Amino acid sequence: MKSISVEEVQQLLESGKELNLIDVREVDEVAAGIIPTAINIPLGLIEFRMNELDKTKEYIMVCRSGGRSGNATMFLENQGFNVVNMDGGMLAWTGDVE
């Protein structure tokens, strides 16, 4: 499983790179703040909403600490998607949130 640090994600966003971020936390967790441009697909819905994703794009998976996003990363990778897990999750995130 590929991974990326929160610092790398933050640097890419600050440089203007367009990232495909998927936050797999529950809706009530996301209400406390989400990385700008990220979309929320709770982990339990990934299997049912993966048809909304494009296999030609890279997705960075985010959760609270990196565990659930790791599960989502492994699942989507097994389905043929190009996915990367953000290590540390939102607990390690120091950048902007919406």
Protein backbone atom coordinates (compact mmCIF):
# COMPACT_ATOMS: atom_id res chain seq x y z
CA MET A 1 0.00 0.00 0.00
CA LYS A 2 1.35 3.40 -0.97
CA SER A 3 1.31 6.19 1.58
CA ILE A 4 1.93 9.92 1.73
CA SER A 5 2.66 12.18 4.68
CA VAL A 6 0.39 15.02 5.76
CA GLU A 7 3.30 17.39 5.08
CA GLU A 8 3.55 16.19 1.47
CA VAL A 9 -0.19 16.60 0.95
CA GLN A 10 -0.07 20.08 2.44
CA GLN A 11 2.87 21.09 0.23
CA LEU A 12 1.12 19.78 -2.89
CA LEU A 13 -2.05 21.72 -2.05
CA GLU A 14 -0.09 24.90 -1.28
CA SER A 15 1.71 24.60 -4.62
CA GLY A 16 -1.66 24.59 -6.37
CA LYS A 17 -1.64 20.93 -7.39
CA GLU A 18 -5.12 19.53 -7.86
CA LEU A 19 -5.52 16.50 -5.60
CA ASN A 20 -8.34 13.99 -5.38
CA LEU A 21 -8.85 13.65 -1.63
CA ILE A 22 -11.44 11.28 -0.19
CA ASP A 23 -12.24 11.59 3.50
CA VAL A 24 -13.68 8.28 4.76
CA ARG A 25 -14.71 9.56 8.20
CA GLU A 26 -18.34 9.59 9.27
CA VAL A 27 -20.46 12.67 8.51
CA ASP A 28 -20.45 13.84 12.15
CA GLU A 29 -16.62 13.67 12.23
CA VAL A 30 -16.32 15.67 9.00
CA ALA A 31 -18.57 18.37 10.50
CA ALA A 32 -15.62 19.29 12.75
CA GLY A 33 -13.49 20.06 9.68
CA ILE A 34 -12.42 18.63 6.35
CA ILE A 35 -9.46 19.41 4.10
CA PRO A 36 -10.61 21.89 1.42
CA THR A 37 -11.48 20.12 -1.88
CA ALA A 38 -11.85 16.71 -0.17
CA ILE A 39 -15.04 14.77 -0.72
CA ASN A 40 -16.62 12.73 2.06
CA ILE A 41 -17.43 9.10 1.39
CA PRO A 42 -17.77 7.30 4.74
CA LEU A 43 -15.83 4.01 4.84
CA GLY A 44 -19.01 1.94 5.02
CA LEU A 45 -20.18 3.44 1.71
CA ILE A 46 -16.93 3.08 -0.29
CA GLU A 47 -18.02 -0.20 -1.87
CA PHE A 48 -21.34 1.30 -2.97
CA ARG A 49 -19.94 4.61 -4.23
CA MET A 50 -16.73 3.46 -5.93
CA ASN A 51 -18.60 3.72 -9.26
CA GLU A 52 -18.28 7.52 -8.79
CA LEU A 53 -14.47 7.23 -8.92
CA ASP A 54 -12.26 7.25 -12.02
CA LYS A 55 -9.63 4.50 -12.29
CA THR A 56 -7.40 6.83 -14.34
CA LYS A 57 -7.01 9.25 -11.41
CA GLU A 58 -5.00 8.99 -8.20
CA TYR A 59 -6.93 9.30 -4.94
CA ILE A 60 -5.54 10.19 -1.53
CA MET A 61 -7.51 8.57 1.27
CA VAL A 62 -7.94 10.44 4.59
CA CYS A 63 -9.50 9.57 7.96
CA ARG A 64 -9.00 10.50 11.61
CA SER A 65 -5.71 8.68 12.23
CA GLY A 66 -4.88 6.65 9.11
CA GLY A 67 -6.47 3.30 9.99
CA ARG A 68 -9.82 3.50 8.20
CA SER A 69 -8.25 5.24 5.22
CA GLY A 70 -5.72 2.39 5.12
CA ASN A 71 -8.58 -0.10 4.91
CA ALA A 72 -10.22 1.95 2.16
CA THR A 73 -6.89 2.19 0.32
CA MET A 74 -6.39 -1.59 0.37
CA PHE A 75 -10.00 -2.23 -0.71
CA LEU A 76 -9.89 0.23 -3.63
CA GLU A 77 -6.42 -0.94 -4.66
CA ASN A 78 -7.81 -4.49 -4.91
CA GLN A 79 -10.56 -3.09 -7.16
CA GLY A 80 -7.98 -1.62 -9.56
CA PHE A 81 -7.88 1.99 -8.32
CA ASN A 82 -4.74 4.11 -7.92
CA VAL A 83 -4.92 5.05 -4.24
CA VAL A 84 -2.58 6.39 -1.56
CA ASN A 85 -3.13 6.49 2.21
CA MET A 86 -2.41 9.74 4.08
CA ASP A 87 -0.40 8.72 7.15
CA GLY A 88 -1.53 10.18 10.47
CA GLY A 89 -4.89 11.35 9.18
CA MET A 90 -6.63 14.46 10.43
CA LEU A 91 -4.97 14.13 13.86
CA ALA A 92 -1.68 15.00 12.16
CA TRP A 93 -3.16 17.62 9.78
CA THR A 94 -2.07 21.19 10.53
CA GLY A 95 -3.32 22.81 7.33
CA ASP A 96 -6.58 24.56 6.53
CA VAL A 97 -9.95 22.93 7.09
CA GLU A 98 -13.42 23.86 5.93
